[in-house]
Amino acid sequence: MIQIILLLCDFSALKTKILAIFQFDKRNYQSFITTSILGMLKKTVLFLFFATYFFSLTGQHTAIVFEQSVHDFGTIYEKSGKVNYTFRFKNVGKIPLIIQKITASCGCTSTEYTKTPVQAGEHGSINITFDPTNRNGNFNKTIGVYANVEKSPLKLYIKGNIVAEITVEKKLPHKIHTVRLKSGYINVGKVLKDKTKKITTPIYNASQDSVLVKFHSVQKHINIQSNPKKIAPHEEAEIVLNYDSKLVNDWGRRVDKFFITLNDSLIRNSRITVGASIEEDFSKWTSETIKNAPGIAFETEKFDFDTITQGEKITKEFIFENTGKSDLFIRKVIAGCGCTATSIKKTAIPPGRKEVLKVTFDSTYKQKRQYKTVTVISNAPSASQIVLTISGFVKAKKQ
């Protein structure tokens, strides 16, 4: 090999260039040439040695055994921060083991591993760090180990259950000035007619000073207050809301709004919305009352207008009958869209009588497939709420 290297070197040309550039004397020139050639030979020999060693490993496989391939962290807490585990392994093959890279199925998982070749019979390790920040519940992550083994990548797994840190910001994400709530919407749910329902929801004072909480523009059927009214700094209180349905002449889905005042000042963007569904109370009806109750039946509950042009109005008359033995009262008719208008002449229908509910759909500003609903609320215990549907296709106007 040395002979080949010497043949490749043009020493006469090298001599001419060195004398021309450095103007060495003969003795220094001979010393320089000897040192340079020896240095080149050493580097070349080392390069060829390691290249031969590397390529001799290419295409060869070893074997690896892990002490375990799955680790269960059990229950961990977000507030406690990152957790670690080390997977230990042994090279049970006959040639050095080289880990080329490691991948993780999630950015929440980082790795450190033995980067130098692990000799046959020796041990190595892969350290896994899992970050539970902004995570909650069960997790199962995969780590891929790429190495000079036959079945690469090898799979390692970590799993566990995260208990999220419950901060004030997470528990009460809705901020109004210096106080925090769960939401700007309070859902009362179903309220039976002439009954009162109580709802409570937390409120937190996030400021450095005590704050007096009151409510403005509250409807008469809603009684609401903070308990206590004055909340100390960084303390939580309770909003108590009593919804009295007998004080409001309404049925079905209803939405009310009011505002919060802090220290007697009306706060900007402090609107709170209250939603409820006022329904007939059939709980005290006897079997005899139910036997003689009103009934309601529509000839059809669906109408498909096929195809109309944008801007057209389509009207459908839904005919229904009181199939019971006492007067049927239509409590309320609710259109699911402002594009749908309803009208009914009589809301009290004697037994055996029919009535017409007229529904008009306005296709202005509408396009393509449409599906609209109309809810009919009555005092018929067998069907106190019936949903009618109007559907069809609205084609665009020709320009």
Protein backbone atom coordinates (compact mmCIF):
# COMPACT_ATOMS: atom_id res chain seq x y z
CA MET A 1 0.00 0.00 0.00
CA ILE A 2 2.90 2.39 0.81
CA GLN A 3 4.40 1.70 -2.60
CA ILE A 4 1.16 2.70 -4.28
CA ILE A 5 1.05 5.96 -2.32
CA LEU A 6 4.68 6.73 -3.27
CA LEU A 7 3.98 6.07 -6.92
CA LEU A 8 1.05 8.48 -6.80
CA CYS A 9 3.24 11.28 -5.45
CA ASP A 10 5.26 13.38 -7.97
CA PHE A 11 8.22 14.27 -5.71
CA SER A 12 10.04 16.31 -8.37
CA ALA A 13 7.04 18.59 -8.83
CA LEU A 14 6.66 18.87 -5.05
CA LYS A 15 10.32 19.80 -4.75
CA THR A 16 10.11 22.53 -7.40
CA LYS A 17 6.99 24.12 -5.78
CA ILE A 18 8.46 24.07 -2.29
CA LEU A 19 11.81 25.62 -3.38
CA ALA A 20 10.04 28.29 -5.43
CA ILE A 21 7.67 29.28 -2.62
CA PHE A 22 9.71 28.88 0.52
CA GLN A 23 13.27 29.08 -0.89
CA PHE A 24 14.39 26.47 1.62
CA ASP A 25 18.06 25.51 1.76
CA LYS A 26 18.84 21.93 0.87
CA ARG A 27 19.11 20.67 4.42
CA ASN A 28 15.83 22.24 5.54
CA TYR A 29 14.16 21.05 2.36
CA GLN A 30 15.15 17.40 2.96
CA SER A 31 13.95 17.60 6.56
CA PHE A 32 10.62 19.16 5.47
CA ILE A 33 10.04 16.54 2.78
CA THR A 34 10.73 13.67 5.19
CA THR A 35 8.34 15.05 7.84
CA SER A 36 5.58 15.80 5.31
CA ILE A 37 5.72 12.38 3.67
CA LEU A 38 5.63 10.57 7.03
CA GLY A 39 2.63 12.68 8.12
CA MET A 40 0.79 11.92 4.90
CA LEU A 41 1.52 8.22 5.25
CA LYS A 42 0.22 8.12 8.83
CA LYS A 43 -3.05 9.89 7.92
CA THR A 44 -3.56 7.68 4.88
CA VAL A 45 -2.96 4.47 6.80
CA LEU A 46 -5.33 5.54 9.62
CA PHE A 47 -8.02 6.53 7.12
CA LEU A 48 -7.77 3.24 5.28
CA PHE A 49 -7.84 1.31 8.56
CA PHE A 50 -11.03 2.95 9.86
CA ALA A 51 -12.67 2.86 6.43
CA THR A 52 -11.92 -0.87 6.18
CA TYR A 53 -13.24 -1.35 9.75
CA PHE A 54 -16.43 0.58 9.04
CA PHE A 55 -17.23 -1.15 5.76
CA SER A 56 -16.53 -4.51 7.33
CA LEU A 57 -19.45 -3.76 9.74
CA THR A 58 -21.80 -2.68 6.95
CA GLY A 59 -24.35 -5.36 6.17
CA GLN A 60 -23.55 -7.27 9.36
CA HIS A 61 -26.04 -7.56 12.19
CA THR A 62 -25.70 -8.09 15.89
CA ALA A 63 -28.34 -8.85 18.52
CA ILE A 64 -29.68 -6.79 21.39
CA VAL A 65 -31.63 -7.75 24.50
CA PHE A 66 -33.47 -5.21 26.67
CA GLU A 67 -34.14 -5.83 30.34
CA GLN A 68 -37.70 -4.74 29.50
CA SER A 69 -39.34 -3.08 26.50
CA VAL A 70 -42.34 -1.52 28.28
CA HIS A 71 -42.34 0.86 31.23
CA ASP A 72 -45.45 1.95 33.10
CA PHE A 73 -45.00 5.24 34.96
CA GLY A 74 -48.29 4.64 36.74
CA THR A 75 -50.00 7.82 37.94
CA ILE A 76 -47.98 10.99 37.45
CA TYR A 77 -48.91 14.58 38.20
CA GLU A 78 -48.59 17.38 35.69
CA LYS A 79 -47.46 19.81 38.39
CA SER A 80 -44.55 17.48 39.32
CA GLY A 81 -42.94 18.01 35.92
CA LYS A 82 -40.91 15.66 33.74
CA VAL A 83 -40.34 11.98 34.54
CA ASN A 84 -37.48 9.74 33.43
CA TYR A 85 -36.81 6.08 32.84
CA THR A 86 -33.74 4.24 31.56
CA PHE A 87 -34.08 1.22 29.29
CA ARG A 88 -30.96 -0.94 29.71
CA PHE A 89 -29.76 -3.42 27.11
CA LYS A 90 -26.97 -5.89 26.33
CA ASN A 91 -25.21 -6.61 23.05
CA VAL A 92 -25.56 -10.40 22.80
CA GLY A 93 -24.09 -10.55 19.29
CA LYS A 94 -20.51 -11.03 18.11
CA ILE A 95 -19.80 -7.61 16.63
CA PRO A 96 -20.13 -4.08 18.07
CA LEU A 97 -23.66 -2.68 18.36
CA ILE A 98 -24.19 0.79 16.88
CA ILE A 99 -27.34 2.76 17.67
CA GLN A 100 -27.89 4.97 14.64
CA LYS A 101 -30.87 7.03 15.82
CA ILE A 102 -33.90 7.00 18.12
CA THR A 103 -37.35 8.39 17.31
CA ALA A 104 -40.31 9.17 19.56
CA SER A 105 -44.01 9.23 18.62
CA CYS A 106 -44.55 12.52 20.45
CA GLY A 107 -42.70 15.79 20.97
CA CYS A 108 -43.40 15.31 24.68
CA THR A 109 -40.77 12.54 24.74
CA SER A 110 -37.00 13.13 24.48
CA THR A 111 -34.16 10.60 24.52
CA GLU A 112 -30.49 10.19 25.37
CA TYR A 113 -28.59 7.03 24.51
CA THR A 114 -25.19 5.36 24.25
CA LYS A 115 -23.66 6.80 21.09
CA THR A 116 -20.37 4.89 21.06
CA PRO A 117 -20.26 1.31 19.71
CA VAL A 118 -21.27 -1.20 22.38
CA GLN A 119 -18.89 -4.14 22.21
CA ALA A 120 -20.12 -7.73 22.20
CA GLY A 121 -21.19 -8.77 25.69
CA GLU A 122 -21.28 -5.16 26.94
CA HIS A 123 -24.22 -3.07 28.16
CA GLY A 124 -25.74 0.23 27.07
CA SER A 125 -28.72 2.40 27.95
CA ILE A 126 -31.46 4.61 26.51
CA ASN A 127 -32.81 7.30 28.81
CA ILE A 128 -36.38 8.48 28.17
CA THR A 129 -37.77 11.79 29.47
CA PHE A 130 -41.54 12.36 29.30
CA ASP A 131 -43.06 15.83 29.77
CA PRO A 132 -46.72 15.79 31.00
CA THR A 133 -47.24 19.55 30.58
CA ASN A 134 -50.73 20.41 29.25
CA ARG A 135 -51.71 16.74 29.14
CA ASN A 136 -54.30 14.74 31.02
CA GLY A 137 -55.44 11.13 31.25
CA ASN A 138 -53.91 7.94 29.92
CA PHE A 139 -50.95 8.01 27.53
CA ASN A 140 -49.06 5.37 25.54
CA LYS A 141 -45.97 6.45 23.58
CA THR A 142 -43.66 4.52 21.24
CA ILE A 143 -39.87 4.86 20.92
CA GLY A 144 -38.17 3.51 17.80
CA VAL A 145 -34.56 2.27 18.13
CA TYR A 146 -32.61 2.12 14.86
CA ALA A 147 -29.45 -0.01 15.10
CA ASN A 148 -27.40 -2.61 13.21
CA VAL A 149 -29.73 -5.40 14.26
CA GLU A 150 -31.78 -7.62 11.98
CA LYS A 151 -35.23 -6.23 12.86
CA SER A 152 -34.74 -2.46 13.01
CA PRO A 153 -36.31 -0.35 14.35
CA LEU A 154 -36.91 -2.01 17.69
CA LYS A 155 -39.90 -0.74 19.65
CA LEU A 156 -39.93 0.46 23.25
CA TYR A 157 -43.05 1.73 25.02
CA ILE A 158 -43.87 4.05 27.90
CA LYS A 159 -47.33 4.51 29.37
CA GLY A 160 -49.12 5.91 32.38
CA ASN A 161 -51.88 8.19 33.58
CA ILE A 162 -51.51 11.97 33.96
CA VAL A 163 -53.39 13.91 36.60
CA ALA A 164 -53.59 17.44 35.22
CA GLU A 165 -52.79 20.38 37.41
CA ILE A 166 -55.99 22.24 38.22
CA THR A 167 -55.07 25.90 38.13
CA VAL A 168 -57.54 28.73 38.59
CA GLU A 169 -57.13 29.58 34.91
CA LYS A 170 -58.07 26.03 33.89
CA LYS A 171 -60.89 25.65 36.39
CA LEU A 172 -62.37 29.08 35.69
CA PRO A 173 -61.27 30.09 32.18
CA HIS A 174 -63.81 32.89 31.61
CA LYS A 175 -62.36 36.22 32.76
CA ILE A 176 -64.41 39.34 33.39
CA HIS A 177 -62.11 42.16 34.50
CA THR A 178 -60.68 40.92 37.84
CA VAL A 179 -63.02 37.96 38.43
CA ARG A 180 -63.07 34.53 36.81
CA LEU A 181 -65.98 32.20 36.01
CA LYS A 182 -66.41 28.78 34.43
CA SER A 183 -68.20 30.34 31.50
CA GLY A 184 -70.19 33.33 30.34
CA TYR A 185 -73.14 30.94 29.97
CA ILE A 186 -75.15 29.43 32.83
CA ASN A 187 -77.20 26.41 31.83
CA VAL A 188 -80.24 26.01 34.09
CA GLY A 189 -81.54 23.07 32.05
CA LYS A 190 -85.11 21.85 32.35
CA VAL A 191 -87.41 23.85 34.63
CA LEU A 192 -90.93 22.59 35.25
CA LYS A 193 -93.64 25.19 34.82
CA ASP A 194 -94.54 27.01 38.08
CA LYS A 195 -91.46 25.54 39.77
CA THR A 196 -88.19 27.09 40.96
CA LYS A 197 -84.76 25.67 40.20
CA LYS A 198 -81.52 26.56 41.96
CA ILE A 199 -78.14 26.64 40.23
CA THR A 200 -74.74 27.47 41.73
CA THR A 201 -71.47 28.27 39.97
CA PRO A 202 -68.07 29.43 41.30
CA ILE A 203 -66.61 32.92 40.96
CA TYR A 204 -63.00 33.84 41.82
CA ASN A 205 -61.45 37.18 42.72
CA ALA A 206 -58.09 37.27 40.91
CA SER A 207 -57.16 40.77 42.10
CA GLN A 208 -55.13 42.03 45.05
CA ASP A 209 -58.14 43.81 46.56
CA SER A 210 -61.54 42.78 47.85
CA VAL A 211 -64.33 43.16 45.32
CA LEU A 212 -68.08 43.66 45.76
CA VAL A 213 -70.02 41.59 43.22
CA LYS A 214 -73.54 42.52 42.09
CA PHE A 215 -75.68 41.97 38.99
CA HIS A 216 -77.40 44.43 36.67
CA SER A 217 -80.44 44.17 34.32
CA VAL A 218 -81.67 40.90 35.79
CA GLN A 219 -85.13 39.65 34.74
CA LYS A 220 -87.75 39.32 37.50
CA HIS A 221 -87.93 35.51 37.27
CA ILE A 222 -84.20 35.27 38.04
CA ASN A 223 -82.81 35.92 41.50
CA ILE A 224 -79.03 35.97 41.57
CA GLN A 225 -76.36 36.97 44.06
CA SER A 226 -72.78 36.25 45.06
CA ASN A 227 -72.21 34.43 48.34
CA PRO A 228 -70.47 36.22 49.93
CA LYS A 229 -71.16 39.45 48.08
CA LYS A 230 -67.71 40.80 48.93
CA ILE A 231 -64.93 38.46 47.85
CA ALA A 232 -61.47 38.71 49.44
CA PRO A 233 -58.34 38.79 47.24
CA HIS A 234 -57.56 35.43 45.60
CA GLU A 235 -60.61 33.83 47.16
CA GLU A 236 -63.43 31.85 45.60
CA ALA A 237 -67.12 32.52 46.20
CA GLU A 238 -70.37 31.10 44.83
CA ILE A 239 -72.94 32.59 42.51
CA VAL A 240 -76.40 31.41 43.56
CA LEU A 241 -79.14 31.64 40.91
CA ASN A 242 -82.82 30.85 41.51
CA TYR A 243 -84.96 30.50 38.37
CA ASP A 244 -88.70 30.90 39.06
CA SER A 245 -90.68 29.75 36.00
CA LYS A 246 -94.05 30.92 37.34
CA LEU A 247 -92.86 34.52 37.03
CA VAL A 248 -92.32 34.27 33.28
CA ASN A 249 -94.96 33.66 30.64
CA ASP A 250 -92.93 31.39 28.40
CA TRP A 251 -92.43 27.81 27.35
CA GLY A 252 -89.61 25.76 25.89
CA ARG A 253 -86.15 27.08 25.24
CA ARG A 254 -85.52 30.55 26.68
CA VAL A 255 -82.43 32.76 26.93
CA ASP A 256 -81.94 35.67 29.36
CA LYS A 257 -79.03 38.08 29.78
CA PHE A 258 -77.68 40.24 32.57
CA PHE A 259 -74.39 41.97 33.54
CA ILE A 260 -71.90 41.95 36.39
CA THR A 261 -70.96 45.02 38.44
CA LEU A 262 -67.77 45.15 40.49
CA ASN A 263 -67.61 47.64 43.37
CA ASP A 264 -70.82 49.15 41.98
CA SER A 265 -69.27 49.81 38.57
CA LEU A 266 -70.77 48.25 35.46
CA ILE A 267 -68.00 46.25 33.79
CA ARG A 268 -67.49 46.28 30.05
CA ASN A 269 -68.01 42.91 28.31
CA SER A 270 -69.51 41.46 31.50
CA ARG A 271 -72.63 39.94 29.94
CA ILE A 272 -73.79 36.61 31.34
CA THR A 273 -76.29 34.47 29.43
CA VAL A 274 -78.75 32.14 31.15
CA GLY A 275 -80.39 29.31 29.22
CA ALA A 276 -83.37 27.24 30.37
CA SER A 277 -86.13 25.02 28.98
CA ILE A 278 -89.53 25.55 30.59
CA GLU A 279 -91.63 22.42 30.34
CA GLU A 280 -95.06 21.17 31.37
CA ASP A 281 -95.21 19.42 34.74
CA PHE A 282 -97.02 16.13 34.27
CA SER A 283 -95.70 14.61 37.49
CA LYS A 284 -98.89 15.18 39.47
CA TRP A 285 -101.27 13.96 36.79
CA THR A 286 -103.31 10.96 37.92
CA SER A 287 -103.99 7.95 35.70
CA GLU A 288 -107.51 9.28 35.22
CA THR A 289 -106.20 12.70 34.18
CA ILE A 290 -103.83 11.13 31.67
CA LYS A 291 -106.64 8.92 30.34
CA ASN A 292 -108.67 12.05 29.56
CA ALA A 293 -105.70 14.13 28.46
CA PRO A 294 -105.43 15.96 25.13
CA GLY A 295 -103.50 14.41 22.24
CA ILE A 296 -101.83 15.83 19.17
CA ALA A 297 -101.17 14.24 15.79
CA PHE A 298 -99.91 15.88 12.58
CA GLU A 299 -100.89 14.53 9.19
CA THR A 300 -97.22 14.89 8.30
CA GLU A 301 -94.22 16.13 10.26
CA LYS A 302 -91.89 16.53 7.26
CA PHE A 303 -92.03 18.65 4.13
CA ASP A 304 -89.55 18.60 1.23
CA PHE A 305 -90.01 21.53 -1.16
CA ASP A 306 -87.68 19.91 -3.72
CA THR A 307 -85.92 22.84 -5.53
CA ILE A 308 -86.55 26.58 -5.46
CA THR A 309 -84.60 29.62 -6.65
CA GLN A 310 -82.82 31.82 -4.13
CA GLY A 311 -85.15 34.58 -2.93
CA GLU A 312 -88.35 32.56 -3.29
CA LYS A 313 -90.64 31.87 -0.34
CA ILE A 314 -92.30 28.52 0.18
CA THR A 315 -95.26 27.94 2.51
CA LYS A 316 -96.44 24.68 4.01
CA GLU A 317 -99.63 24.15 5.99
CA PHE A 318 -99.10 21.49 8.64
CA ILE A 319 -102.51 20.11 9.64
CA PHE A 320 -102.89 18.57 13.09
CA GLU A 321 -105.73 17.24 15.23
CA ASN A 322 -106.52 17.02 18.92
CA THR A 323 -106.82 13.25 19.29
CA GLY A 324 -107.45 13.39 23.04
CA LYS A 325 -110.44 13.93 25.32
CA SER A 326 -109.77 17.44 26.64
CA ASP A 327 -108.70 20.78 25.22
CA LEU A 328 -105.30 20.90 23.53
CA PHE A 329 -103.28 24.05 24.18
CA ILE A 330 -100.43 25.02 21.87
CA ARG A 331 -98.06 26.58 24.35
CA LYS A 332 -95.45 27.83 21.90
CA VAL A 333 -94.15 27.39 18.35
CA ILE A 334 -90.39 27.85 17.97
CA ALA A 335 -88.75 28.32 14.57
CA GLY A 336 -85.16 27.14 14.44
CA CYS A 337 -84.15 29.93 12.03
CA GLY A 338 -85.00 33.56 11.46
CA CYS A 339 -85.67 32.56 7.85
CA THR A 340 -88.73 30.58 8.97
CA ALA A 341 -91.98 32.26 10.02
CA THR A 342 -94.96 30.54 11.65
CA SER A 343 -98.60 31.40 12.24
CA ILE A 344 -101.54 29.65 13.84
CA LYS A 345 -105.07 30.98 14.20
CA LYS A 346 -106.12 29.11 17.33
CA THR A 347 -104.00 27.85 20.20
CA ALA A 348 -106.86 26.15 22.06
CA ILE A 349 -108.22 23.19 20.12
CA PRO A 350 -111.18 21.13 21.39
CA PRO A 351 -111.13 17.32 21.19
CA GLY A 352 -111.60 15.98 17.66
CA ARG A 353 -110.95 19.35 16.03
CA LYS A 354 -108.23 20.10 13.47
CA GLU A 355 -106.07 23.18 13.14
CA VAL A 356 -103.48 24.47 10.68
CA LEU A 357 -99.95 25.60 11.48
CA LYS A 358 -98.63 27.67 8.57
CA VAL A 359 -94.85 27.69 8.10
CA THR A 360 -93.12 29.96 5.55
CA PHE A 361 -89.47 29.50 4.56
CA ASP A 362 -87.69 32.51 3.03
CA SER A 363 -84.75 31.44 0.87
CA THR A 364 -83.20 34.92 0.65
CA TYR A 365 -79.46 34.63 1.36
CA LYS A 366 -79.76 30.81 1.36
CA GLN A 367 -78.09 28.40 -1.04
CA LYS A 368 -77.78 24.65 -1.61
CA ARG A 369 -79.37 22.04 0.67
CA GLN A 370 -81.51 23.45 3.49
CA TYR A 371 -82.91 21.75 6.58
CA LYS A 372 -85.01 23.81 9.00
CA THR A 373 -86.99 22.86 12.09
CA VAL A 374 -90.09 24.10 13.88
CA THR A 375 -90.82 22.89 17.43
CA VAL A 376 -94.44 22.71 18.61
CA ILE A 377 -94.93 22.70 22.40
CA SER A 378 -98.31 21.63 23.79
CA ASN A 379 -100.01 20.24 26.88
CA ALA A 380 -100.35 16.78 25.34
CA PRO A 381 -98.48 14.43 27.74
CA SER A 382 -97.88 11.85 25.00
CA ALA A 383 -96.08 14.36 22.75
CA SER A 384 -95.49 17.65 24.53
CA GLN A 385 -92.81 18.63 21.99
CA ILE A 386 -93.00 17.75 18.29
CA VAL A 387 -90.33 18.81 15.80
CA LEU A 388 -91.47 19.54 12.24
CA THR A 389 -88.93 19.74 9.42
CA ILE A 390 -88.74 21.65 6.14
CA SER A 391 -86.02 20.71 3.67
CA GLY A 392 -85.06 21.19 0.05
CA PHE A 393 -82.51 22.63 -2.34
CA VAL A 394 -82.06 26.35 -3.03
CA LYS A 395 -80.40 27.08 -6.35
CA ALA A 396 -78.56 30.35 -6.93
CA LYS A 397 -80.15 33.14 -8.94
CA LYS A 398 -79.03 33.52 -12.53
CA GLN A 399 -76.88 36.62 -12.90
